[in-house]
Amino acid sequence: MTRRFAGETAGADLGGLVAESTARFGVELSSDALSRLARFVDLLALWNRRVRLTGEREARTLVRKHVLDCLAPVPHLPPAGVVVDVGSGAGLPGVVLGCARPDLDLCLVESRRRRASFLREAVRTIPLPRARVLEARAEALDAEDVVGKASVIIARAVRLESFLVVAARLVGRHGVVIAMQTPGALPPAAVRALEQARLRSTGAQYYELPGGERRRLLFFAAMC
Protein backbone atom coordinates (compact mmCIF):
# COMPACT_ATOMS: atom_id res chain seq x y z
CA MET A 1 0.00 0.00 0.00
CA THR A 2 1.39 3.39 -0.93
CA ARG A 3 0.66 6.70 0.73
CA ARG A 4 0.13 10.01 -1.02
CA PHE A 5 2.02 12.68 0.84
CA ALA A 6 -0.20 15.62 1.76
CA GLY A 7 0.29 19.39 1.72
CA GLU A 8 2.99 20.55 -0.66
CA THR A 9 3.26 17.07 -2.18
CA ALA A 10 -0.43 16.53 -2.92
CA GLY A 11 -0.88 14.32 -5.97
CA ALA A 12 2.71 13.06 -5.89
CA ASP A 13 2.81 9.39 -5.04
CA LEU A 14 6.00 9.54 -3.01
CA GLY A 15 4.92 6.48 -1.08
CA GLY A 16 5.79 4.45 -4.17
CA LEU A 17 9.24 6.05 -4.33
CA VAL A 18 9.82 5.26 -0.67
CA ALA A 19 8.66 1.65 -1.01
CA GLU A 20 10.73 1.03 -4.15
CA SER A 21 13.88 2.60 -2.76
CA THR A 22 13.79 1.09 0.72
CA ALA A 23 13.39 -2.42 -0.66
CA ARG A 24 17.13 -2.35 -1.42
CA PHE A 25 17.78 -1.75 2.29
CA GLY A 26 15.61 -4.68 3.31
CA VAL A 27 13.05 -2.27 4.77
CA GLU A 28 9.30 -2.77 4.42
CA LEU A 29 7.17 0.03 5.82
CA SER A 30 3.59 -0.28 6.96
CA SER A 31 0.90 2.16 5.83
CA ASP A 32 1.03 3.70 9.31
CA ALA A 33 4.78 4.28 8.97
CA LEU A 34 4.28 5.93 5.58
CA SER A 35 1.62 8.18 7.10
CA ARG A 36 4.00 9.22 9.86
CA LEU A 37 6.71 9.95 7.30
CA ALA A 38 4.24 12.01 5.27
CA ARG A 39 3.42 14.18 8.26
CA PHE A 40 7.10 14.62 9.02
CA VAL A 41 7.99 15.66 5.46
CA ASP A 42 5.11 18.13 5.30
CA LEU A 43 6.12 19.66 8.65
CA LEU A 44 9.78 19.83 7.64
CA ALA A 45 8.90 21.53 4.34
CA LEU A 46 6.74 24.04 6.23
CA TRP A 47 9.43 24.89 8.78
CA ASN A 48 12.06 25.14 6.05
CA ARG A 49 10.28 28.20 4.70
CA ARG A 50 11.13 30.20 7.84
CA VAL A 51 13.97 28.30 9.50
CA ARG A 52 16.73 26.79 7.36
CA LEU A 53 16.74 23.22 8.65
CA THR A 54 17.99 21.65 5.40
CA GLY A 55 19.38 23.02 2.16
CA GLU A 56 16.41 21.61 0.22
CA ARG A 57 12.89 22.94 0.66
CA GLU A 58 10.89 21.01 -1.94
CA ALA A 59 9.23 17.96 -0.40
CA ARG A 60 10.12 15.48 -3.16
CA THR A 61 13.80 16.44 -2.86
CA LEU A 62 13.62 16.09 0.92
CA VAL A 63 12.34 12.55 0.48
CA ARG A 64 14.86 11.57 -2.20
CA LYS A 65 17.98 13.05 -0.58
CA HIS A 66 17.22 12.80 3.12
CA VAL A 67 14.32 10.58 4.16
CA LEU A 68 15.37 7.61 2.03
CA ASP A 69 18.94 7.91 3.28
CA CYS A 70 17.74 7.92 6.89
CA LEU A 71 15.80 4.69 6.41
CA ALA A 72 18.97 2.72 5.60
CA PRO A 73 19.80 2.01 9.29
CA VAL A 74 16.33 0.59 10.08
CA PRO A 75 17.37 -3.09 9.68
CA HIS A 76 20.13 -2.50 12.24
CA LEU A 77 17.86 -1.21 15.00
CA PRO A 78 17.42 -3.48 18.04
CA PRO A 79 14.15 -5.14 19.10
CA ALA A 80 14.14 -2.84 22.14
CA GLY A 81 16.31 -0.29 23.89
CA VAL A 82 17.27 3.37 23.80
CA VAL A 83 18.27 4.85 20.43
CA VAL A 84 20.12 8.17 20.57
CA ASP A 85 20.41 10.52 17.58
CA VAL A 86 23.37 12.84 18.22
CA GLY A 87 22.99 16.29 16.65
CA SER A 88 19.49 15.48 15.42
CA GLY A 89 18.96 18.89 13.77
CA ALA A 90 16.04 18.43 11.38
CA GLY A 91 15.29 14.97 12.77
CA LEU A 92 17.60 13.25 10.32
CA PRO A 93 17.89 10.39 10.97
CA GLY A 94 16.19 10.23 14.39
CA VAL A 95 12.63 11.25 13.54
CA VAL A 96 12.68 9.14 10.37
CA LEU A 97 13.78 6.11 12.39
CA GLY A 98 11.02 6.86 14.88
CA CYS A 99 8.45 6.92 12.09
CA ALA A 100 9.56 3.46 11.03
CA ARG A 101 9.96 2.11 14.59
CA PRO A 102 7.73 4.09 16.98
CA ASP A 103 8.09 1.30 19.55
CA LEU A 104 11.67 2.28 20.37
CA ASP A 105 12.69 4.72 23.09
CA LEU A 106 14.17 7.52 21.01
CA CYS A 107 16.33 10.40 22.27
CA LEU A 108 16.86 13.32 19.90
CA VAL A 109 19.88 15.27 21.12
CA GLU A 110 20.08 18.82 19.77
CA SER A 111 21.72 21.86 21.38
CA ARG A 112 20.37 24.54 19.00
CA ARG A 113 17.13 26.08 20.28
CA ARG A 114 15.22 26.50 17.01
CA ARG A 115 16.02 23.00 15.85
CA ALA A 116 15.08 21.58 19.22
CA SER A 117 11.76 23.45 18.96
CA PHE A 118 11.15 21.88 15.55
CA LEU A 119 11.92 18.43 16.91
CA ARG A 120 9.45 18.89 19.77
CA GLU A 121 6.73 19.91 17.32
CA ALA A 122 7.55 16.92 15.10
CA VAL A 123 7.30 14.54 18.05
CA ARG A 124 3.88 16.01 18.94
CA THR A 125 2.52 16.26 15.40
CA ILE A 126 3.49 12.88 13.94
CA PRO A 127 3.10 11.72 16.84
CA LEU A 128 6.00 9.76 18.37
CA PRO A 129 4.91 9.18 21.99
CA ARG A 130 8.10 7.31 22.98
CA ALA A 131 10.46 9.96 21.62
CA ARG A 132 11.93 12.84 23.62
CA VAL A 133 14.04 15.85 22.75
CA LEU A 134 17.10 16.56 24.88
CA GLU A 135 18.17 20.15 24.30
CA ALA A 136 21.83 19.82 25.26
CA ARG A 137 25.28 19.26 23.87
CA ALA A 138 25.89 15.54 23.52
CA GLU A 139 29.19 15.68 25.38
CA ALA A 140 27.41 17.24 28.38
CA LEU A 141 24.41 14.91 28.36
CA ASP A 142 23.65 13.53 31.82
CA ALA A 143 20.45 11.49 31.34
CA GLU A 144 20.87 8.45 33.61
CA ASP A 145 19.15 6.04 31.25
CA VAL A 146 21.33 7.13 28.32
CA VAL A 147 24.93 7.62 29.46
CA GLY A 148 26.68 4.27 29.16
CA LYS A 149 23.41 2.44 28.55
CA ALA A 150 22.13 3.26 25.05
CA SER A 151 21.54 0.38 22.63
CA VAL A 152 22.27 2.46 19.52
CA ILE A 153 24.09 5.77 19.07
CA ILE A 154 23.68 7.21 15.59
CA ALA A 155 24.58 10.41 13.77
CA ARG A 156 24.34 11.59 10.17
CA ALA A 157 26.92 13.83 8.51
CA VAL A 158 28.62 14.64 11.82
CA ARG A 159 32.42 14.92 12.01
CA LEU A 160 33.44 11.34 12.67
CA GLU A 161 36.23 12.09 15.14
CA SER A 162 33.91 14.17 17.32
CA PHE A 163 31.05 11.70 17.10
CA LEU A 164 33.13 8.68 18.11
CA VAL A 165 34.30 10.29 21.35
CA VAL A 166 30.74 11.29 22.29
CA ALA A 167 29.28 7.94 21.26
CA ALA A 168 31.77 5.98 23.36
CA ARG A 169 30.49 7.78 26.45
CA LEU A 170 26.83 7.04 25.72
CA VAL A 171 26.79 3.53 24.26
CA GLY A 172 26.06 0.52 26.45
CA ARG A 173 28.36 -2.45 26.81
CA HIS A 174 26.63 -4.42 24.07
CA GLY A 175 25.42 -1.42 22.09
CA VAL A 176 26.16 -0.33 18.53
CA VAL A 177 27.51 2.96 17.20
CA ILE A 178 26.39 3.86 13.65
CA ALA A 179 27.93 6.71 11.66
CA MET A 180 26.15 7.77 8.46
CA GLN A 181 28.86 9.03 6.12
CA THR A 182 29.83 9.45 2.49
CA PRO A 183 32.37 6.90 1.15
CA GLY A 184 36.07 7.52 1.61
CA ALA A 185 39.03 6.61 3.76
CA LEU A 186 38.83 7.38 7.46
CA PRO A 187 40.68 10.64 8.17
CA PRO A 188 43.67 10.31 10.51
CA ALA A 189 41.82 12.28 13.20
CA ALA A 190 39.01 9.70 13.14
CA VAL A 191 41.49 6.83 13.46
CA ARG A 192 43.04 8.50 16.50
CA ALA A 193 39.59 9.17 17.97
CA LEU A 194 38.67 5.52 17.50
CA GLU A 195 41.66 4.47 19.58
CA GLN A 196 41.02 7.15 22.19
CA ALA A 197 37.35 6.20 22.52
CA ARG A 198 38.19 2.49 22.82
CA LEU A 199 35.83 1.57 20.04
CA ARG A 200 36.43 -1.04 17.36
CA SER A 201 35.16 -1.09 13.80
CA THR A 202 32.69 -3.93 13.12
CA GLY A 203 31.91 -3.34 9.46
CA ALA A 204 30.31 -1.09 6.87
CA GLN A 205 27.33 -1.07 4.52
CA TYR A 206 27.48 0.78 1.19
CA TYR A 207 24.40 1.85 -0.74
CA GLU A 208 23.12 4.35 -3.31
CA LEU A 209 20.25 6.80 -3.24
CA PRO A 210 17.84 7.09 -6.21
CA GLY A 211 19.89 9.97 -7.68
CA GLY A 212 23.06 7.87 -7.63
CA GLU A 213 24.59 9.49 -4.54
CA ARG A 214 26.76 6.98 -2.71
CA ARG A 215 26.45 6.56 1.04
CA ARG A 216 27.70 4.21 3.74
CA LEU A 217 26.97 3.15 7.29
CA LEU A 218 29.97 2.59 9.54
CA PHE A 219 29.50 0.33 12.57
CA PHE A 220 31.46 0.36 15.81
CA ALA A 221 31.28 -1.37 19.17
CA ALA A 222 32.90 -0.91 22.55
CA MET A 223 36.05 -2.88 23.24
CA CYS A 224 35.45 -5.48 25.93
C-alpha atoms as a PDB file:
ATOM      1  CA  MET A   1       0.000   0.000   0.000  1.00  0.00           C
ATOM      2  CA  THR A   2       1.386   3.388  -0.932  1.00  0.00           C
ATOM      3  CA  ARG A   3       0.658   6.700   0.735  1.00  0.00           C
ATOM      4  CA  ARG A   4       0.134  10.006  -1.022  1.00  0.00           C
ATOM      5  CA  PHE A   5       2.024  12.684   0.841  1.00  0.00           C
ATOM      6  CA  ALA A   6      -0.201  15.620   1.763  1.00  0.00           C
ATOM      7  CA  GLY A   7       0.288  19.390   1.721  1.00  0.00           C
ATOM      8  CA  GLU A   8       2.987  20.547  -0.659  1.00  0.00           C
ATOM      9  CA  THR A   9       3.264  17.067  -2.177  1.00  0.00           C
ATOM     10  CA  ALA A  10      -0.430  16.525  -2.917  1.00  0.00           C
ATOM     11  CA  GLY A  11      -0.880  14.322  -5.968  1.00  0.00           C
ATOM     12  CA  ALA A  12       2.705  13.062  -5.892  1.00  0.00           C
ATOM     13  CA  ASP A  13       2.813   9.388  -5.037  1.00  0.00           C
ATOM     14  CA  LEU A  14       6.004   9.543  -3.013  1.00  0.00           C
ATOM     15  CA  GLY A  15       4.918   6.477  -1.079  1.00  0.00           C
ATOM     16  CA  GLY A  16       5.787   4.454  -4.167  1.00  0.00           C
ATOM     17  CA  LEU A  17       9.239   6.053  -4.333  1.00  0.00           C
ATOM     18  CA  VAL A  18       9.822   5.255  -0.666  1.00  0.00           C
ATOM     19  CA  ALA A  19       8.664   1.648  -1.009  1.00  0.00           C
ATOM     20  CA  GLU A  20      10.727   1.026  -4.147  1.00  0.00           C
ATOM     21  CA  SER A  21      13.880   2.596  -2.760  1.00  0.00           C
ATOM     22  CA  THR A  22      13.786   1.091   0.720  1.00  0.00           C
ATOM     23  CA  ALA A  23      13.390  -2.418  -0.660  1.00  0.00           C
ATOM     24  CA  ARG A  24      17.125  -2.348  -1.420  1.00  0.00           C
ATOM     25  CA  PHE A  25      17.779  -1.746   2.289  1.00  0.00           C
ATOM     26  CA  GLY A  26      15.611  -4.676   3.310  1.00  0.00           C
ATOM     27  CA  VAL A  27      13.046  -2.274   4.771  1.00  0.00           C
ATOM     28  CA  GLU A  28       9.299  -2.775   4.421  1.00  0.00           C
ATOM     29  CA  LEU A  29       7.174   0.033   5.817  1.00  0.00           C
ATOM     30  CA  SER A  30       3.586  -0.278   6.961  1.00  0.00           C
ATOM     31  CA  SER A  31       0.901   2.157   5.834  1.00  0.00           C
ATOM     32  CA  ASP A  32       1.034   3.697   9.311  1.00  0.00           C
ATOM     33  CA  ALA A  33       4.785   4.277   8.968  1.00  0.00           C
ATOM     34  CA  LEU A  34       4.276   5.929   5.585  1.00  0.00           C
ATOM     35  CA  SER A  35       1.617   8.176   7.096  1.00  0.00           C
ATOM     36  CA  ARG A  36       3.999   9.217   9.857  1.00  0.00           C
ATOM     37  CA  LEU A  37       6.712   9.955   7.300  1.00  0.00           C
ATOM     38  CA  ALA A  38       4.236  12.005   5.268  1.00  0.00           C
ATOM     39  CA  ARG A  39       3.416  14.178   8.258  1.00  0.00           C
ATOM     40  CA  PHE A  40       7.104  14.617   9.017  1.00  0.00           C
ATOM     41  CA  VAL A  41       7.993  15.657   5.460  1.00  0.00           C
ATOM     42  CA  ASP A  42       5.114  18.129   5.300  1.00  0.00           C
ATOM     43  CA  LEU A  43       6.121  19.655   8.646  1.00  0.00           C
ATOM     44  CA  LEU A  44       9.784  19.830   7.641  1.00  0.00           C
ATOM     45  CA  ALA A  45       8.903  21.527   4.340  1.00  0.00           C
ATOM     46  CA  LEU A  46       6.740  24.043   6.234  1.00  0.00           C
ATOM     47  CA  TRP A  47       9.429  24.892   8.780  1.00  0.00           C
ATOM     48  CA  ASN A  48      12.065  25.141   6.054  1.00  0.00           C
ATOM     49  CA  ARG A  49      10.276  28.205   4.702  1.00  0.00           C
ATOM     50  CA  ARG A  50      11.130  30.200   7.837  1.00  0.00           C
ATOM     51  CA  VAL A  51      13.974  28.297   9.505  1.00  0.00           C
ATOM     52  CA  ARG A  52      16.732  26.790   7.363  1.00  0.00           C
ATOM     53  CA  LEU A  53      16.738  23.224   8.646  1.00  0.00           C
ATOM     54  CA  THR A  54      17.992  21.655   5.400  1.00  0.00           C
ATOM     55  CA  GLY A  55      19.380  23.023   2.160  1.00  0.00           C
ATOM     56  CA  GLU A  56      16.413  21.614   0.223  1.00  0.00           C
ATOM     57  CA  ARG A  57      12.888  22.943   0.656  1.00  0.00           C
ATOM     58  CA  GLU A  58      10.892  21.010  -1.945  1.00  0.00           C
ATOM     59  CA  ALA A  59       9.231  17.957  -0.403  1.00  0.00           C
ATOM     60  CA  ARG A  60      10.119  15.476  -3.158  1.00  0.00           C
ATOM     61  CA  THR A  61      13.797  16.436  -2.861  1.00  0.00           C
ATOM     62  CA  LEU A  62      13.616  16.092   0.917  1.00  0.00           C
ATOM     63  CA  VAL A  63      12.343  12.549   0.477  1.00  0.00           C
ATOM     64  CA  ARG A  64      14.857  11.572  -2.200  1.00  0.00           C
ATOM     65  CA  LYS A  65      17.979  13.052  -0.585  1.00  0.00           C
ATOM     66  CA  HIS A  66      17.221  12.801   3.121  1.00  0.00           C
ATOM     67  CA  VAL A  67      14.321  10.577   4.155  1.00  0.00           C
ATOM     68  CA  LEU A  68      15.375   7.609   2.030  1.00  0.00           C
ATOM     69  CA  ASP A  69      18.944   7.908   3.278  1.00  0.00           C
ATOM     70  CA  CYS A  70      17.741   7.921   6.886  1.00  0.00           C
ATOM     71  CA  LEU A  71      15.798   4.687   6.406  1.00  0.00           C
ATOM     72  CA  ALA A  72      18.966   2.720   5.600  1.00  0.00           C
ATOM     73  CA  PRO A  73      19.805   2.013   9.288  1.00  0.00           C
ATOM     74  CA  VAL A  74      16.334   0.594  10.079  1.00  0.00           C
ATOM     75  CA  PRO A  75      17.366  -3.087   9.684  1.00  0.00           C
ATOM     76  CA  HIS A  76      20.132  -2.501  12.245  1.00  0.00           C
ATOM     77  CA  LEU A  77      17.855  -1.213  15.003  1.00  0.00           C
ATOM     78  CA  PRO A  78      17.423  -3.482  18.042  1.00  0.00           C
ATOM     79  CA  PRO A  79      14.145  -5.138  19.105  1.00  0.00           C
ATOM     80  CA  ALA A  80      14.136  -2.842  22.141  1.00  0.00           C
ATOM     81  CA  GLY A  81      16.309  -0.288  23.894  1.00  0.00           C
ATOM     82  CA  VAL A  82      17.275   3.371  23.803  1.00  0.00           C
ATOM     83  CA  VAL A  83      18.266   4.847  20.428  1.00  0.00           C
ATOM     84  CA  VAL A  84      20.124   8.171  20.568  1.00  0.00           C
ATOM     85  CA  ASP A  85      20.406  10.516  17.578  1.00  0.00           C
ATOM     86  CA  VAL A  86      23.369  12.839  18.217  1.00  0.00           C
ATOM     87  CA  GLY A  87      22.995  16.290  16.647  1.00  0.00           C
ATOM     88  CA  SER A  88      19.495  15.482  15.425  1.00  0.00           C
ATOM     89  CA  GLY A  89      18.956  18.888  13.768  1.00  0.00           C
ATOM     90  CA  ALA A  90      16.038  18.425  11.375  1.00  0.00           C
ATOM     91  CA  GLY A  91      15.288  14.973  12.770  1.00  0.00           C
ATOM     92  CA  LEU A  92      17.599  13.248  10.315  1.00  0.00           C
ATOM     93  CA  PRO A  93      17.893  10.388  10.971  1.00  0.00           C
ATOM     94  CA  GLY A  94      16.195  10.232  14.391  1.00  0.00           C
ATOM     95  CA  VAL A  95      12.629  11.250  13.542  1.00  0.00           C
ATOM     96  CA  VAL A  96      12.675   9.136  10.368  1.00  0.00           C
ATOM     97  CA  LEU A  97      13.781   6.109  12.392  1.00  0.00           C
ATOM     98  CA  GLY A  98      11.021   6.855  14.880  1.00  0.00           C
ATOM     99  CA  CYS A  99       8.448   6.918  12.086  1.00  0.00           C
ATOM    100  CA  ALA A 100       9.563   3.460  11.026  1.00  0.00           C
ATOM    101  CA  ARG A 101       9.956   2.107  14.591  1.00  0.00           C
ATOM    102  CA  PRO A 102       7.727   4.087  16.977  1.00  0.00           C
ATOM    103  CA  ASP A 103       8.088   1.299  19.546  1.00  0.00           C
ATOM    104  CA  LEU A 104      11.666   2.276  20.366  1.00  0.00           C
ATOM    105  CA  ASP A 105      12.686   4.717  23.087  1.00  0.00           C
ATOM    106  CA  LEU A 106      14.167   7.525  21.007  1.00  0.00           C
ATOM    107  CA  CYS A 107      16.331  10.396  22.267  1.00  0.00           C
ATOM    108  CA  LEU A 108      16.856  13.317  19.895  1.00  0.00           C
ATOM    109  CA  VAL A 109      19.882  15.265  21.122  1.00  0.00           C
ATOM    110  CA  GLU A 110      20.082  18.816  19.767  1.00  0.00           C
ATOM    111  CA  SER A 111      21.717  21.857  21.379  1.00  0.00           C
ATOM    112  CA  ARG A 112      20.370  24.536  18.999  1.00  0.00           C
ATOM    113  CA  ARG A 113      17.134  26.082  20.282  1.00  0.00           C
ATOM    114  CA  ARG A 114      15.223  26.499  17.011  1.00  0.00           C
ATOM    115  CA  ARG A 115      16.020  23.003  15.848  1.00  0.00           C
ATOM    116  CA  ALA A 116      15.083  21.581  19.225  1.00  0.00           C
ATOM    117  CA  SER A 117      11.755  23.447  18.956  1.00  0.00           C
ATOM    118  CA  PHE A 118      11.148  21.882  15.547  1.00  0.00           C
ATOM    119  CA  LEU A 119      11.922  18.427  16.914  1.00  0.00           C
ATOM    120  CA  ARG A 120       9.449  18.887  19.772  1.00  0.00           C
ATOM    121  CA  GLU A 121       6.728  19.911  17.318  1.00  0.00           C
ATOM    122  CA  ALA A 122       7.550  16.921  15.096  1.00  0.00           C
ATOM    123  CA  VAL A 123       7.304  14.540  18.053  1.00  0.00           C
ATOM    124  CA  ARG A 124       3.878  16.014  18.943  1.00  0.00           C
ATOM    125  CA  THR A 125       2.519  16.255  15.396  1.00  0.00           C
ATOM    126  CA  ILE A 126       3.493  12.884  13.941  1.00  0.00           C
ATOM    127  CA  PRO A 127       3.103  11.719  16.842  1.00  0.00           C
ATOM    128  CA  LEU A 128       6.000   9.760  18.370  1.00  0.00           C
ATOM    129  CA  PRO A 129       4.912   9.176  21.994  1.00  0.00           C
ATOM    130  CA  ARG A 130       8.101   7.313  22.979  1.00  0.00           C
ATOM    131  CA  ALA A 131      10.456   9.962  21.618  1.00  0.00           C
ATOM    132  CA  ARG A 132      11.932  12.842  23.620  1.00  0.00           C
ATOM    133  CA  VAL A 133      14.044  15.851  22.751  1.00  0.00           C
ATOM    134  CA  LEU A 134      17.101  16.559  24.881  1.00  0.00           C
ATOM    135  CA  GLU A 135      18.172  20.151  24.302  1.00  0.00           C
ATOM    136  CA  ALA A 136      21.834  19.815  25.260  1.00  0.00           C
ATOM    137  CA  ARG A 137      25.278  19.262  23.867  1.00  0.00           C
ATOM    138  CA  ALA A 138      25.885  15.536  23.524  1.00  0.00           C
ATOM    139  CA  GLU A 139      29.189  15.684  25.384  1.00  0.00           C
ATOM    140  CA  ALA A 140      27.405  17.242  28.378  1.00  0.00           C
ATOM    141  CA  LEU A 141      24.411  14.911  28.359  1.00  0.00           C
ATOM    142  CA  ASP A 142      23.648  13.529  31.819  1.00  0.00           C
ATOM    143  CA  ALA A 143      20.451  11.488  31.338  1.00  0.00           C
ATOM    144  CA  GLU A 144      20.872   8.452  33.609  1.00  0.00           C
ATOM    145  CA  ASP A 145      19.146   6.039  31.245  1.00  0.00           C
ATOM    146  CA  VAL A 146      21.335   7.127  28.318  1.00  0.00           C
ATOM    147  CA  VAL A 147      24.930   7.616  29.464  1.00  0.00           C
ATOM    148  CA  GLY A 148      26.679   4.269  29.160  1.00  0.00           C
ATOM    149  CA  LYS A 149      23.410   2.436  28.547  1.00  0.00           C
ATOM    150  CA  ALA A 150      22.128   3.264  25.047  1.00  0.00           C
ATOM    151  CA  SER A 151      21.545   0.380  22.629  1.00  0.00           C
ATOM    152  CA  VAL A 152      22.271   2.464  19.517  1.00  0.00           C
ATOM    153  CA  ILE A 153      24.087   5.769  19.069  1.00  0.00           C
ATOM    154  CA  ILE A 154      23.679   7.211  15.594  1.00  0.00           C
ATOM    155  CA  ALA A 155      24.584  10.415  13.765  1.00  0.00           C
ATOM    156  CA  ARG A 156      24.337  11.585  10.174  1.00  0.00           C
ATOM    157  CA  ALA A 157      26.916  13.826   8.513  1.00  0.00           C
ATOM    158  CA  VAL A 158      28.622  14.636  11.819  1.00  0.00           C
ATOM    159  CA  ARG A 159      32.421  14.916  12.011  1.00  0.00           C
ATOM    160  CA  LEU A 160      33.436  11.339  12.671  1.00  0.00           C
ATOM    161  CA  GLU A 161      36.229  12.092  15.138  1.00  0.00           C
ATOM    162  CA  SER A 162      33.906  14.165  17.323  1.00  0.00           C
ATOM    163  CA  PHE A 163      31.046  11.704  17.100  1.00  0.00           C
ATOM    164  CA  LEU A 164      33.130   8.682  18.115  1.00  0.00           C
ATOM    165  CA  VAL A 165      34.300  10.292  21.346  1.00  0.00           C
ATOM    166  CA  VAL A 166      30.744  11.285  22.294  1.00  0.00           C
ATOM    167  CA  ALA A 167      29.280   7.936  21.259  1.00  0.00           C
ATOM    168  CA  ALA A 168      31.770   5.982  23.363  1.00  0.00           C
ATOM    169  CA  ARG A 169      30.494   7.783  26.454  1.00  0.00           C
ATOM    170  CA  LEU A 170      26.834   7.036  25.718  1.00  0.00           C
ATOM    171  CA  VAL A 171      26.787   3.532  24.255  1.00  0.00           C
ATOM    172  CA  GLY A 172      26.057   0.524  26.452  1.00  0.00           C
ATOM    173  CA  ARG A 173      28.362  -2.454  26.813  1.00  0.00           C
ATOM    174  CA  HIS A 174      26.628  -4.419  24.070  1.00  0.00           C
ATOM    175  CA  GLY A 175      25.418  -1.420  22.090  1.00  0.00           C
ATOM    176  CA  VAL A 176      26.162  -0.335  18.535  1.00  0.00           C
ATOM    177  CA  VAL A 177      27.512   2.964  17.196  1.00  0.00           C
ATOM    178  CA  ILE A 178      26.386   3.856  13.655  1.00  0.00           C
ATOM    179  CA  ALA A 179      27.926   6.713  11.665  1.00  0.00           C
ATOM    180  CA  MET A 180      26.154   7.771   8.464  1.00  0.00           C
ATOM    181  CA  GLN A 181      28.863   9.034   6.120  1.00  0.00           C
ATOM    182  CA  THR A 182      29.832   9.448   2.487  1.00  0.00           C
ATOM    183  CA  PRO A 183      32.365   6.903   1.146  1.00  0.00           C
ATOM    184  CA  GLY A 184      36.070   7.523   1.612  1.00  0.00           C
ATOM    185  CA  ALA A 185      39.032   6.615   3.758  1.00  0.00           C
ATOM    186  CA  LEU A 186      38.834   7.380   7.459  1.00  0.00           C
ATOM    187  CA  PRO A 187      40.676  10.637   8.170  1.00  0.00           C
ATOM    188  CA  PRO A 188      43.673  10.312  10.513  1.00  0.00           C
ATOM    189  CA  ALA A 189      41.821  12.275  13.199  1.00  0.00           C
ATOM    190  CA  ALA A 190      39.011   9.696  13.137  1.00  0.00           C
ATOM    191  CA  VAL A 191      41.489   6.831  13.458  1.00  0.00           C
ATOM    192  CA  ARG A 192      43.041   8.496  16.504  1.00  0.00           C
ATOM    193  CA  ALA A 193      39.585   9.168  17.970  1.00  0.00           C
ATOM    194  CA  LEU A 194      38.671   5.519  17.501  1.00  0.00           C
ATOM    195  CA  GLU A 195      41.663   4.475  19.583  1.00  0.00           C
ATOM    196  CA  GLN A 196      41.019   7.152  22.195  1.00  0.00           C
ATOM    197  CA  ALA A 197      37.354   6.196  22.522  1.00  0.00           C
ATOM    198  CA  ARG A 198      38.188   2.491  22.821  1.00  0.00           C
ATOM    199  CA  LEU A 199      35.828   1.566  20.040  1.00  0.00           C
ATOM    200  CA  ARG A 200      36.429  -1.041  17.357  1.00  0.00           C
ATOM    201  CA  SER A 201      35.164  -1.091  13.802  1.00  0.00           C
ATOM    202  CA  THR A 202      32.694  -3.925  13.124  1.00  0.00           C
ATOM    203  CA  GLY A 203      31.907  -3.337   9.458  1.00  0.00           C
ATOM    204  CA  ALA A 204      30.308  -1.091   6.870  1.00  0.00           C
ATOM    205  CA  GLN A 205      27.334  -1.067   4.517  1.00  0.00           C
ATOM    206  CA  TYR A 206      27.483   0.776   1.195  1.00  0.00           C
ATOM    207  CA  TYR A 207      24.401   1.850  -0.743  1.00  0.00           C
ATOM    208  CA  GLU A 208      23.124   4.347  -3.305  1.00  0.00           C
ATOM    209  CA  LEU A 209      20.248   6.800  -3.238  1.00  0.00           C
ATOM    210  CA  PRO A 210      17.837   7.091  -6.212  1.00  0.00           C
ATOM    211  CA  GLY A 211      19.888   9.966  -7.676  1.00  0.00           C
ATOM    212  CA  GLY A 212      23.060   7.874  -7.626  1.00  0.00           C
ATOM    213  CA  GLU A 213      24.593   9.489  -4.539  1.00  0.00           C
ATOM    214  CA  ARG A 214      26.761   6.978  -2.712  1.00  0.00           C
ATOM    215  CA  ARG A 215      26.453   6.557   1.037  1.00  0.00           C
ATOM    216  CA  ARG A 216      27.702   4.210   3.739  1.00  0.00           C
ATOM    217  CA  LEU A 217      26.973   3.148   7.286  1.00  0.00           C
ATOM    218  CA  LEU A 218      29.966   2.589   9.542  1.00  0.00           C
ATOM    219  CA  PHE A 219      29.498   0.332  12.566  1.00  0.00           C
ATOM    220  CA  PHE A 220      31.461   0.356  15.806  1.00  0.00           C
ATOM    221  CA  ALA A 221      31.278  -1.372  19.172  1.00  0.00           C
ATOM    222  CA  ALA A 222      32.897  -0.907  22.552  1.00  0.00           C
ATOM    223  CA  MET A 223      36.050  -2.878  23.245  1.00  0.00           C
ATOM    224  CA  CYS A 224      35.447  -5.485  25.930  1.00  0.00           C
END
